[in-house]
Amino acid sequence: MRAVLINSFGDPADVVHLGEAQIPEPGAGELRIKLLKSPIHNHDLAIIRGIYGYKPALPAIPGSEALGVVDALGAGVRGFSVGQKVAVPAGARMWAEFFTTPANTTVPVPPTIPDDIACQLLAMPLNSYLLFEELDTKPGDWIIQTASNGAVGRVVVQLAKSRKVNVISLVRRDDGIAEMSALGAEHVLSTQSDSWVTRVSEITGGAPIKGAIDSVSGPIALPLASVLAPGGLFLSFGAMSQKPIVLDPGKLIFGGITVRGFWGAKWIERASSADKLRVLGEVIRLVQDGTIKLGVEAEYDLAKVKEAVARSDQSGRAGKVLLTAAA
């Protein structure tokens, strides 16, 4: 079968290439999936660079979320049938014509959801939904987030509106303000301006900011934590800057803020079946009723993976870049 491979870690456009691999056989409790579409996430690029929470053994096939069709069932699998369309929100080795995955992390896709949406239905929307649960937000609360024009940031803005939660969206460049405003974000600030911290208190009118969602890390963490209310929660969700978090110990000691990491894959590992069904069902409902809107920037066949990862690595995209196995 055709498969995207990496033989070393590094810049995605340099190290990814189209190759061949053996079609995998599903083990007990697994499904073999024929790939339809797979989104390229920031964490996929981080894995390829070798800077994520784990490093796959090389050579490796990247890809962590996909839409596909059940091609074969492993021993003991119940509730699925060959030819059924399914989404896989968290896994590995998906940028190939076929991949295997545990049946218990696979979600049947309602026929009313288009493929472009179904392929990115769960990972980023799921993480965004869970971030609100981590922050325990209530109507009227204020939160703040970095990387607001990323996939998760966009969904956070949409969910905040539906929950009547106020969110301040930070972007790294001035032209990102208009981009986010067009998406319906009400309070957008560019960190290119040295006055953004002062503007935060003006926007909130002095109301406490309950939580921060940081996907950038590095020096931005220092002023971000400074605007948190005493006892606030600083959620470290990503590290786009590839730099360590910088914090003022005074905010920890005297402000009593809590700093905690969040990784959706860990939630999937530890959550009960009932919790998974509840949250996944709610995310699907929010997509179906239009509360969460997911965009696509471009679509590439596996053979053009170098172009695809380069496009995905660019800022200012209007949606996800997708890989397909159409050929």
Protein backbone atom coordinates (compact mmCIF):
# COMPACT_ATOMS: atom_id res chain seq x y z
CA MET A 1 0.00 0.00 0.00
CA ARG A 2 1.01 3.65 -0.35
CA ALA A 3 2.06 5.28 2.90
CA VAL A 4 3.65 8.52 4.11
CA LEU A 5 6.95 7.73 5.82
CA ILE A 6 9.60 9.51 7.86
CA ASN A 7 13.06 8.01 8.34
CA SER A 8 14.29 10.81 10.60
CA PHE A 9 12.87 13.68 12.63
CA GLY A 10 13.09 17.22 11.31
CA ASP A 11 11.31 19.87 9.28
CA PRO A 12 8.15 18.15 7.98
CA ALA A 13 8.55 19.32 4.38
CA ASP A 14 12.08 17.88 4.35
CA VAL A 15 11.55 14.50 6.03
CA VAL A 16 8.13 13.27 4.86
CA HIS A 17 7.92 11.24 1.66
CA LEU A 18 5.58 8.82 -0.05
CA GLY A 19 6.65 5.21 0.18
CA GLU A 20 5.25 1.73 0.51
CA ALA A 21 4.37 -0.40 3.52
CA GLN A 22 2.72 -3.73 4.18
CA ILE A 23 -1.05 -3.63 4.56
CA PRO A 24 -1.54 -4.23 8.32
CA GLU A 25 -3.63 -7.05 9.74
CA PRO A 26 -6.04 -6.15 12.56
CA GLY A 27 -5.28 -7.77 15.90
CA ALA A 28 -7.81 -8.84 18.50
CA GLY A 29 -10.18 -5.97 19.27
CA GLU A 30 -8.96 -3.94 16.28
CA LEU A 31 -10.36 -2.71 12.99
CA ARG A 32 -8.54 -2.25 9.72
CA ILE A 33 -9.60 1.04 8.15
CA LYS A 34 -9.33 2.12 4.53
CA LEU A 35 -8.39 5.80 4.64
CA LEU A 36 -10.67 8.44 3.14
CA LYS A 37 -9.36 11.68 4.63
CA SER A 38 -7.04 12.76 7.43
CA PRO A 39 -6.43 16.29 8.74
CA ILE A 40 -2.92 17.57 9.40
CA HIS A 41 -2.79 18.82 12.98
CA ASN A 42 -0.09 20.91 14.66
CA HIS A 43 0.71 17.95 16.89
CA ASP A 44 1.26 15.79 13.79
CA LEU A 45 3.91 18.27 12.68
CA ALA A 46 5.40 18.29 16.19
CA ILE A 47 5.64 14.49 16.15
CA ILE A 48 7.42 14.64 12.78
CA ARG A 49 9.83 17.22 14.23
CA GLY A 50 10.48 14.92 17.20
CA ILE A 51 9.32 17.47 19.78
CA TYR A 52 5.99 16.01 20.91
CA GLY A 53 5.13 14.02 24.03
CA TYR A 54 6.39 10.82 22.43
CA LYS A 55 8.61 9.77 19.54
CA PRO A 56 7.51 6.89 17.31
CA ALA A 57 10.06 4.27 16.30
CA LEU A 58 11.58 5.00 12.90
CA PRO A 59 10.74 4.57 10.12
CA ALA A 60 7.30 5.83 11.08
CA ILE A 61 3.98 6.56 9.43
CA PRO A 62 2.50 9.81 10.85
CA GLY A 63 -1.18 10.70 11.21
CA SER A 64 -3.36 10.84 14.32
CA GLU A 65 -6.97 11.42 13.20
CA ALA A 66 -8.86 10.10 10.20
CA LEU A 67 -12.09 9.24 8.49
CA GLY A 68 -12.29 5.89 6.77
CA VAL A 69 -14.26 2.80 5.92
CA VAL A 70 -14.04 -0.42 7.92
CA ASP A 71 -12.10 -2.90 5.76
CA ALA A 72 -11.63 -5.84 8.16
CA LEU A 73 -12.52 -6.84 11.72
CA GLY A 74 -10.13 -8.35 14.23
CA ALA A 75 -11.06 -11.17 16.57
CA GLY A 76 -13.73 -10.33 19.11
CA VAL A 77 -14.89 -7.08 17.50
CA ARG A 78 -18.62 -6.48 17.76
CA GLY A 79 -20.82 -3.56 16.67
CA PHE A 80 -18.98 -2.75 13.42
CA SER A 81 -19.36 -4.05 9.88
CA VAL A 82 -17.19 -4.02 6.76
CA GLY A 83 -18.00 -0.96 4.62
CA GLN A 84 -19.12 1.16 7.59
CA LYS A 85 -17.87 4.76 7.66
CA VAL A 86 -16.07 5.63 10.90
CA ALA A 87 -13.99 8.39 12.50
CA VAL A 88 -10.89 7.72 14.58
CA PRO A 89 -10.16 10.69 16.86
CA ALA A 90 -6.85 9.61 18.36
CA GLY A 91 -4.39 7.07 17.03
CA ALA A 92 -1.27 6.62 14.91
CA ARG A 93 0.02 5.54 11.49
CA MET A 94 -3.03 6.91 9.69
CA TRP A 95 -1.38 8.59 6.68
CA ALA A 96 -1.56 5.40 4.67
CA GLU A 97 -4.11 3.70 2.45
CA PHE A 98 -4.88 1.30 5.32
CA PHE A 99 -4.30 1.44 9.08
CA THR A 100 -5.41 -0.46 12.15
CA THR A 101 -6.94 0.98 15.30
CA PRO A 102 -8.68 -0.27 18.46
CA ALA A 103 -12.41 -0.66 17.89
CA ASN A 104 -13.18 0.95 21.26
CA THR A 105 -11.71 4.30 20.12
CA THR A 106 -13.56 4.27 16.79
CA VAL A 107 -16.78 6.23 16.31
CA PRO A 108 -19.47 5.49 13.68
CA VAL A 109 -20.15 8.57 11.57
CA PRO A 110 -23.74 9.72 10.99
CA PRO A 111 -24.51 9.80 7.24
CA THR A 112 -25.62 13.45 7.51
CA ILE A 113 -22.07 14.68 8.24
CA PRO A 114 -19.93 15.51 5.14
CA ASP A 115 -16.55 13.81 4.84
CA ASP A 116 -14.64 17.11 5.11
CA ILE A 117 -16.22 17.65 8.53
CA ALA A 118 -16.27 14.04 9.69
CA CYS A 119 -12.52 13.61 9.23
CA GLN A 120 -11.81 16.41 11.73
CA LEU A 121 -14.95 15.94 13.77
CA LEU A 122 -13.46 14.84 17.04
CA ALA A 123 -9.82 15.59 17.88
CA MET A 124 -9.81 19.39 17.92
CA PRO A 125 -13.52 19.90 18.80
CA LEU A 126 -13.14 17.25 21.51
CA ASN A 127 -10.08 18.99 22.99
CA SER A 128 -11.85 22.35 22.87
CA TYR A 129 -14.90 20.94 24.65
CA LEU A 130 -12.75 19.29 27.32
CA LEU A 131 -10.85 22.52 27.95
CA PHE A 132 -14.10 24.12 29.12
CA GLU A 133 -14.68 21.17 31.44
CA GLU A 134 -11.16 21.52 32.82
CA LEU A 135 -11.75 25.23 33.47
CA ASP A 136 -15.21 24.53 34.95
CA THR A 137 -16.62 27.65 33.30
CA LYS A 138 -20.01 29.15 34.09
CA PRO A 139 -22.04 31.73 32.12
CA GLY A 140 -20.50 35.17 32.58
CA ASP A 141 -16.98 33.89 33.37
CA TRP A 142 -13.94 35.35 31.60
CA ILE A 143 -11.14 33.26 30.07
CA ILE A 144 -8.20 34.12 27.82
CA GLN A 145 -6.42 32.06 25.16
CA THR A 146 -3.33 32.24 22.95
CA ALA A 147 -3.10 30.96 19.34
CA SER A 148 -6.74 31.87 18.94
CA ASN A 149 -6.72 31.55 15.16
CA GLY A 150 -5.61 27.91 15.38
CA ALA A 151 -8.03 25.00 15.07
CA VAL A 152 -8.68 24.71 18.80
CA GLY A 153 -8.79 28.47 19.35
CA ARG A 154 -11.49 28.91 16.71
CA VAL A 155 -13.65 26.21 18.29
CA VAL A 156 -13.09 27.69 21.77
CA VAL A 157 -14.53 31.00 20.50
CA GLN A 158 -17.58 29.21 19.09
CA LEU A 159 -18.16 27.16 22.23
CA ALA A 160 -17.72 30.22 24.45
CA LYS A 161 -20.56 31.94 22.64
CA SER A 162 -22.88 28.98 23.09
CA ARG A 163 -21.97 28.78 26.80
CA LYS A 164 -22.20 32.55 27.34
CA VAL A 165 -18.59 32.59 28.49
CA ASN A 166 -16.48 35.68 27.70
CA VAL A 167 -13.20 34.92 25.96
CA ILE A 168 -10.27 37.20 25.14
CA SER A 169 -8.54 35.85 22.04
CA LEU A 170 -4.86 36.60 21.58
CA VAL A 171 -3.20 36.44 18.16
CA ARG A 172 0.48 36.91 17.32
CA ARG A 173 0.08 39.40 14.49
CA ASP A 174 -2.08 42.47 13.94
CA ASP A 175 -3.75 41.17 10.77
CA GLY A 176 -5.08 38.23 12.78
CA ILE A 177 -7.50 40.58 14.54
CA ALA A 178 -9.72 41.03 11.48
CA GLU A 179 -9.48 37.30 10.75
CA MET A 180 -10.82 36.39 14.20
CA SER A 181 -13.43 39.15 14.22
CA ALA A 182 -14.80 37.74 10.96
CA LEU A 183 -15.26 34.42 12.77
CA GLY A 184 -17.35 36.13 15.41
CA ALA A 185 -14.70 36.63 18.10
CA GLU A 186 -15.71 39.67 20.14
CA HIS A 187 -12.53 40.46 22.08
CA VAL A 188 -9.36 40.03 20.01
CA LEU A 189 -5.92 41.44 20.87
CA SER A 190 -2.60 41.18 19.06
CA THR A 191 0.46 40.48 21.19
CA GLN A 192 2.49 42.52 18.68
CA SER A 193 1.24 45.50 20.67
CA ASP A 194 3.00 46.12 23.98
CA SER A 195 -0.26 47.49 25.42
CA TRP A 196 -2.27 44.28 25.14
CA VAL A 197 -2.05 43.50 28.87
CA THR A 198 -3.50 46.92 29.73
CA ARG A 199 -6.23 46.41 27.15
CA VAL A 200 -7.29 43.17 28.89
CA SER A 201 -8.36 44.98 32.06
CA GLU A 202 -10.14 47.61 29.98
CA ILE A 203 -12.11 44.93 28.12
CA THR A 204 -13.11 43.01 31.24
CA GLY A 205 -13.86 46.14 33.25
CA GLY A 206 -11.81 44.62 36.06
CA ALA A 207 -13.78 41.36 36.16
CA PRO A 208 -11.63 38.37 37.18
CA ILE A 209 -10.20 36.09 34.49
CA LYS A 210 -10.82 32.56 35.66
CA GLY A 211 -8.58 30.64 33.30
CA ALA A 212 -6.00 30.81 30.53
CA ILE A 213 -5.50 28.35 27.67
CA ASP A 214 -1.95 28.55 26.36
CA SER A 215 -0.92 26.80 23.14
CA VAL A 216 2.27 28.81 22.58
CA SER A 217 4.47 28.52 25.71
CA GLY A 218 7.71 30.51 26.01
CA PRO A 219 7.82 34.17 27.07
CA ILE A 220 4.10 34.81 26.37
CA ALA A 221 3.27 32.77 29.47
CA LEU A 222 4.60 35.50 31.78
CA PRO A 223 2.16 38.30 30.80
CA LEU A 224 -0.60 35.73 30.19
CA ALA A 225 -0.40 34.49 33.77
CA SER A 226 -0.20 38.09 35.03
CA VAL A 227 -3.81 38.78 33.96
CA LEU A 228 -5.22 35.73 35.76
CA ALA A 229 -7.32 36.33 38.86
CA PRO A 230 -6.03 34.97 42.20
CA GLY A 231 -6.66 31.23 42.24
CA GLY A 232 -6.99 31.12 38.44
CA LEU A 233 -6.06 28.13 36.31
CA PHE A 234 -3.31 28.27 33.67
CA LEU A 235 -3.76 25.37 31.23
CA SER A 236 -0.71 24.49 29.15
CA PHE A 237 -2.15 22.93 26.00
CA GLY A 238 0.65 23.34 23.45
CA ALA A 239 4.12 24.72 22.81
CA MET A 240 4.13 26.27 19.34
CA SER A 241 7.11 28.44 20.27
CA GLN A 242 9.08 25.28 21.21
CA LYS A 243 10.30 27.17 24.28
CA PRO A 244 9.87 26.54 28.04
CA ILE A 245 7.09 28.26 29.97
CA VAL A 246 8.25 31.44 31.72
CA LEU A 247 6.33 32.35 34.90
CA ASP A 248 6.56 34.84 37.76
CA PRO A 249 6.82 32.85 41.01
CA GLY A 250 4.84 35.64 42.69
CA LYS A 251 1.74 34.59 40.76
CA LEU A 252 2.19 31.07 42.10
CA ILE A 253 3.05 32.00 45.67
CA PHE A 254 0.92 35.09 46.31
CA GLY A 255 -1.64 34.77 43.53
CA GLY A 256 -2.25 31.11 44.16
CA ILE A 257 -2.69 30.30 40.48
CA THR A 258 -2.55 26.68 39.37
CA VAL A 259 -0.53 25.60 36.34
CA ARG A 260 -1.61 22.34 34.77
CA GLY A 261 -0.92 20.56 31.51
CA PHE A 262 -3.72 19.19 29.34
CA TRP A 263 -3.39 16.44 26.73
CA GLY A 264 -6.62 15.11 25.21
CA ALA A 265 -5.06 11.71 24.49
CA LYS A 266 -4.61 11.16 28.23
CA TRP A 267 -8.28 11.96 28.83
CA ILE A 268 -9.27 9.37 26.21
CA GLU A 269 -7.06 6.80 27.98
CA ARG A 270 -8.50 7.34 31.44
CA ALA A 271 -12.12 8.34 30.77
CA SER A 272 -14.87 5.83 31.43
CA SER A 273 -16.94 4.49 28.55
CA ALA A 274 -19.90 6.50 29.85
CA ASP A 275 -17.89 9.73 29.86
CA LYS A 276 -16.58 9.08 26.35
CA LEU A 277 -20.08 8.45 25.02
CA ARG A 278 -21.40 11.57 26.77
CA VAL A 279 -18.68 13.92 25.51
CA LEU A 280 -18.40 12.49 21.99
CA GLY A 281 -22.16 12.56 21.63
CA GLU A 282 -22.26 16.20 22.73
CA VAL A 283 -19.45 17.19 20.32
CA ILE A 284 -21.21 15.49 17.41
CA ARG A 285 -24.45 17.28 18.34
CA LEU A 286 -22.68 20.65 18.44
CA VAL A 287 -21.22 20.07 14.98
CA GLN A 288 -24.53 18.88 13.56
CA ASP A 289 -26.49 21.85 14.91
CA GLY A 290 -23.92 24.34 13.59
CA THR A 291 -22.60 25.53 16.96
CA ILE A 292 -19.14 24.29 15.93
CA LYS A 293 -18.10 25.10 12.36
CA LEU A 294 -15.05 23.42 10.86
CA GLY A 295 -13.29 24.71 7.74
CA VAL A 296 -10.99 23.20 5.12
CA GLU A 297 -8.13 25.17 3.58
CA ALA A 298 -6.92 22.62 1.02
CA GLU A 299 -6.87 18.93 0.18
CA TYR A 300 -3.95 16.85 -1.14
CA ASP A 301 -3.44 13.24 -2.17
CA LEU A 302 -0.90 11.28 -0.14
CA ALA A 303 1.51 11.61 -3.07
CA LYS A 304 1.68 15.37 -2.47
CA VAL A 305 2.36 15.14 1.25
CA LYS A 306 5.36 17.49 1.08
CA GLU A 307 3.17 20.27 -0.33
CA ALA A 308 0.46 19.44 2.19
CA VAL A 309 2.64 19.71 5.31
CA ALA A 310 4.25 22.91 4.00
CA ARG A 311 0.78 24.42 3.50
CA SER A 312 -0.35 23.27 6.93
CA ASP A 313 2.74 24.86 8.52
CA GLN A 314 1.78 28.28 7.17
CA SER A 315 0.00 30.81 9.39
CA GLY A 316 -3.23 32.54 8.44
CA ARG A 317 -5.02 29.45 7.11
CA ALA A 318 -8.83 29.47 6.99
CA GLY A 319 -9.14 25.79 7.94
CA LYS A 320 -7.48 22.41 8.02
CA VAL A 321 -5.27 20.90 5.33
CA LEU A 322 -6.45 17.37 4.52
CA LEU A 323 -4.67 14.32 3.14
CA THR A 324 -6.65 11.85 1.04
CA ALA A 325 -6.07 8.40 -0.39
CA ALA A 326 -8.13 9.05 -3.49
CA ALA A 327 -5.67 7.66 -6.03
